[in-house]
Protein backbone atom coordinates (compact mmCIF):
# COMPACT_ATOMS: atom_id res chain seq x y z
CA UNK A 1 -26.14 52.10 47.88
CA UNK A 2 -24.12 51.50 44.69
CA UNK A 3 -24.99 48.35 42.75
CA UNK A 4 -21.50 46.98 43.35
CA UNK A 5 -22.12 47.07 47.12
CA UNK A 6 -25.52 45.41 46.99
CA UNK A 7 -25.41 42.16 49.05
CA UNK A 8 -27.11 40.24 46.28
CA UNK A 9 -23.93 40.47 44.21
CA UNK A 10 -22.04 38.35 46.74
CA UNK A 11 -22.58 34.57 46.22
CA UNK A 12 -21.71 33.90 49.85
CA UNK A 13 -24.36 36.34 51.07
CA UNK A 14 -26.89 34.81 48.71
CA UNK A 15 -26.14 31.36 50.07
CA UNK A 16 -25.83 32.28 53.76
CA UNK A 17 -28.53 34.95 54.09
CA UNK A 18 -31.17 33.86 51.62
CA UNK A 19 -30.79 30.26 50.52
CA UNK A 20 -29.55 28.39 53.58
CA UNK A 21 -32.80 26.55 54.26
CA UNK A 22 -33.48 25.53 50.62
CA UNK A 23 -29.89 24.41 50.24
CA UNK A 24 -30.02 22.34 53.45
CA UNK A 25 -33.34 20.88 52.37
CA UNK A 26 -31.79 19.93 49.05
CA UNK A 27 -28.97 18.10 50.81
CA UNK A 28 -31.45 16.32 53.09
CA UNK A 29 -33.37 15.21 50.00
CA UNK A 30 -30.11 13.97 48.53
CA UNK A 31 -29.41 11.82 51.58
CA UNK A 32 -32.94 10.44 51.39
CA UNK A 33 -32.60 9.75 47.67
CA UNK A 34 -29.27 7.97 48.18
CA UNK A 35 -30.80 5.73 50.85
CA UNK A 36 -33.79 4.98 48.64
CA UNK A 37 -31.46 4.07 45.77
CA UNK A 38 -29.50 1.73 48.03
CA UNK A 39 -32.68 -0.04 49.18
CA UNK A 40 -34.13 -0.39 45.67
CA UNK A 41 -30.80 -1.54 44.22
CA UNK A 42 -30.48 -4.25 46.85
CA UNK A 43 -34.03 -5.49 46.30
CA UNK A 44 -33.62 -5.56 42.50
CA UNK A 45 -30.27 -7.32 42.76
CA UNK A 46 -31.66 -9.86 45.22
CA UNK A 47 -34.56 -10.52 42.84
CA UNK A 48 -32.11 -11.05 39.94
CA UNK A 49 -30.04 -13.48 42.01
CA UNK A 50 -33.09 -15.50 43.10
CA UNK A 51 -34.44 -15.51 39.54
CA UNK A 52 -31.11 -16.70 38.16
CA UNK A 53 -30.86 -19.53 40.68
CA UNK A 54 -34.47 -20.58 40.09
CA UNK A 55 -33.98 -20.65 36.31
CA UNK A 56 -30.75 -22.59 36.74
CA UNK A 57 -32.58 -25.24 38.76
CA UNK A 58 -35.44 -25.45 36.24
CA UNK A 59 -33.15 -25.80 33.22
CA UNK A 60 -30.97 -28.31 35.05
CA UNK A 61 -34.03 -30.47 35.62
CA UNK A 62 -34.90 -30.30 31.90
CA UNK A 63 -31.31 -31.22 31.04
CA UNK A 64 -31.49 -34.29 33.28
CA UNK A 65 -34.94 -35.53 32.35
CA UNK A 66 -34.99 -34.60 28.65
CA UNK A 67 -34.83 -37.21 25.89
CA UNK A 68 -33.19 -35.51 22.92
CA UNK A 69 -29.49 -34.72 23.15
CA UNK A 70 -29.42 -31.27 21.54
CA UNK A 71 -32.27 -29.76 23.62
CA UNK A 72 -30.62 -31.21 26.71
CA UNK A 73 -27.38 -29.47 25.75
CA UNK A 74 -29.34 -26.25 25.32
CA UNK A 75 -30.93 -26.65 28.74
CA UNK A 76 -27.52 -27.33 30.28
CA UNK A 77 -26.12 -24.17 28.70
CA UNK A 78 -29.10 -22.15 29.94
CA UNK A 79 -28.67 -23.57 33.43
CA UNK A 80 -25.03 -22.48 33.50
CA UNK A 81 -25.93 -19.11 32.01
CA UNK A 82 -28.53 -18.51 34.73
CA UNK A 83 -25.87 -19.01 37.40
CA UNK A 84 -23.58 -16.60 35.53
CA UNK A 85 -26.41 -14.07 35.32
CA UNK A 86 -26.97 -14.24 39.09
CA UNK A 87 -23.23 -13.89 39.73
CA UNK A 88 -22.90 -10.85 37.49
CA UNK A 89 -25.91 -9.21 39.10
CA UNK A 90 -24.31 -9.64 42.53
CA UNK A 91 -20.97 -8.41 41.26
CA UNK A 92 -22.10 -5.30 39.41
CA UNK A 93 -25.44 -4.24 40.90
CA UNK A 94 -25.17 -4.85 44.64
CA UNK A 95 -24.61 -1.34 46.06
CA UNK A 96 -21.90 -0.35 48.49
CA UNK A 97 -22.85 0.43 52.06
CA UNK A 98 -24.05 3.94 52.83
CA UNK A 99 -23.47 4.98 56.43
CA UNK A 100 -26.72 5.86 58.27
CA UNK A 101 -25.42 9.33 59.15
CA UNK A 102 -23.33 9.96 56.06
CA UNK A 103 -22.48 13.57 55.28
CA UNK A 104 -24.02 15.35 52.32
CA UNK A 105 -20.77 15.04 50.38
CA UNK A 106 -20.48 11.31 51.13
CA UNK A 107 -24.13 10.77 50.16
CA UNK A 108 -23.61 12.64 46.91
CA UNK A 109 -20.48 10.65 46.04
CA UNK A 110 -22.24 7.39 46.89
CA UNK A 111 -25.26 8.26 44.76
CA UNK A 112 -23.20 9.33 41.74
CA UNK A 113 -20.95 6.27 42.01
CA UNK A 114 -23.91 3.91 42.10
CA UNK A 115 -25.61 5.69 39.19
CA UNK A 116 -22.42 5.44 37.13
CA UNK A 117 -22.03 1.77 38.02
CA UNK A 118 -25.58 1.04 36.87
CA UNK A 119 -25.06 3.06 33.68
CA UNK A 120 -21.84 1.17 32.87
CA UNK A 121 -23.59 -2.14 33.54
CA UNK A 122 -26.43 -1.25 31.17
CA UNK A 123 -24.01 -0.07 28.48
CA UNK A 124 -22.25 -3.46 28.53
CA UNK A 125 -25.34 -5.49 29.34
CA UNK A 126 -24.93 -7.94 26.45
CA UNK A 127 -21.43 -8.91 27.55
CA UNK A 128 -21.87 -8.74 31.31
CA UNK A 129 -25.02 -10.83 31.35
CA UNK A 130 -23.77 -13.28 28.73
CA UNK A 131 -26.88 -12.96 26.57
CA UNK A 132 -25.09 -14.67 23.67
CA UNK A 133 -25.00 -17.92 25.65
CA UNK A 134 -28.66 -17.46 26.55
CA UNK A 135 -29.63 -17.15 22.88
CA UNK A 136 -27.49 -20.15 21.90
CA UNK A 137 -29.13 -22.23 24.63
CA UNK A 138 -32.61 -21.19 23.52
CA UNK A 139 -31.74 -22.01 19.91
CA UNK A 140 -30.54 -25.49 20.88
CA UNK A 141 -33.77 -26.11 22.75
CA UNK A 142 -36.20 -24.70 20.19
CA UNK A 143 -34.69 -25.17 16.72
CA UNK A 144 -34.76 -29.02 16.72
CA UNK A 145 -38.48 -28.92 17.45
CA UNK A 146 -39.03 -26.37 14.69
CA UNK A 147 -37.14 -28.52 12.20
CA UNK A 148 -39.28 -31.52 13.10
CA UNK A 149 -42.45 -29.43 12.65
CA UNK A 150 -41.47 -28.11 9.20
CA UNK A 151 -43.18 -30.94 7.27
CA UNK A 152 -46.37 -30.23 9.22
CA UNK A 153 -47.38 -26.56 8.90
CA UNK A 154 -50.09 -27.00 11.50
CA UNK A 155 -47.52 -28.00 14.11
CA UNK A 156 -45.25 -25.16 12.99
CA UNK A 157 -47.97 -22.67 13.86
CA UNK A 158 -47.68 -23.75 17.48
CA UNK A 159 -44.22 -22.18 17.78
CA UNK A 160 -45.12 -18.92 16.04
CA UNK A 161 -46.39 -17.24 19.26
CA UNK A 162 -43.09 -18.06 20.93
CA UNK A 163 -41.04 -16.31 18.25
CA UNK A 164 -43.42 -13.34 18.19
CA UNK A 165 -43.06 -12.92 21.95
CA UNK A 166 -39.30 -13.33 21.68
CA UNK A 167 -39.07 -10.63 19.00
CA UNK A 168 -41.30 -8.30 21.04
CA UNK A 169 -39.13 -8.90 24.09
CA UNK A 170 -35.97 -7.96 22.19
CA UNK A 171 -37.53 -4.74 20.90
CA UNK A 172 -38.77 -3.79 24.37
CA UNK A 173 -35.44 -4.81 25.89
CA UNK A 174 -33.43 -2.43 23.72
CA UNK A 175 -35.92 0.45 23.78
CA UNK A 176 -36.39 0.36 27.55
CA UNK A 177 -32.64 -0.06 28.06
CA UNK A 178 -31.94 2.99 25.90
CA UNK A 179 -34.44 5.09 27.85
CA UNK A 180 -33.08 3.95 31.20
CA UNK A 181 -29.51 4.81 30.18
CA UNK A 182 -30.63 8.29 29.13
CA UNK A 183 -32.41 8.78 32.46
CA UNK A 184 -29.35 7.58 34.39
CA UNK A 185 -27.06 9.92 32.47
CA UNK A 186 -29.42 12.84 33.11
CA UNK A 187 -29.42 12.11 36.83
CA UNK A 188 -25.63 11.77 36.86
CA UNK A 189 -25.31 15.17 35.18
CA UNK A 190 -27.63 16.70 37.78
CA UNK A 191 -25.58 15.31 40.65
CA UNK A 192 -22.39 16.47 38.96
CA UNK A 193 -23.78 20.01 38.77
CA UNK A 194 -24.75 19.87 42.44
CA UNK A 195 -21.26 18.69 43.37
CA UNK A 196 -19.70 21.58 41.45
CA UNK A 197 -21.98 24.05 43.21
CA UNK A 198 -21.03 22.65 46.61
CA UNK A 199 -17.32 22.81 45.75
CA UNK A 200 -17.62 26.40 44.50
CA UNK A 201 -19.44 27.55 47.63
CA UNK A 202 -16.87 25.88 49.86
CA UNK A 203 -14.06 27.50 47.89
CA UNK A 204 -15.67 30.94 48.28
CA UNK A 205 -16.08 30.38 52.01
CA UNK A 206 -12.41 29.39 52.30
CA UNK A 207 -11.27 32.47 50.37
CA UNK A 208 -13.27 34.81 52.66
CA UNK A 209 -11.89 33.39 55.90
CA UNK A 210 -9.26 35.63 57.57
């Protein structure tokens, strides 16, 4: 048989005769992955909402019961920011509904769309979570106490662990965020490649139909 007539040269034959089961298994895994993503995204978003509301309540109590005006203003700002944080988490991170028996194509589109939404949220995290207001609120609460402690170095040492932890948190925040965005982009690229393969195979099937 000439090489040009060998069935392995035909992509449709490769797909239909040799790779049907692996391909179907891959699509089943995709459906499962999309459902897992939906579940995890809902749990994480729900946790963010509850955390935001709990922090809002705690800071509101400090704002009401505090003595000094500036720290109370800081607590008020943090209370409002916590509500904003919970709202933004619900707005941007709560996933759309995936039908229980969604097709492979629908599952793929859902998964890619949710990955892209999460990537876009992470890329604009500073603005969408209002971290500027969080930092301003923290400064209003902490700085007055630091200023009062300046004449007494021993008291100033008490706030050093706080600033060390805050600096470590910022470093971890940006490093972990950068790694997560890279992982999301890699997964998006993988799903994009899979979508192109599905489209190409469907186009070949259409061309071969009488």
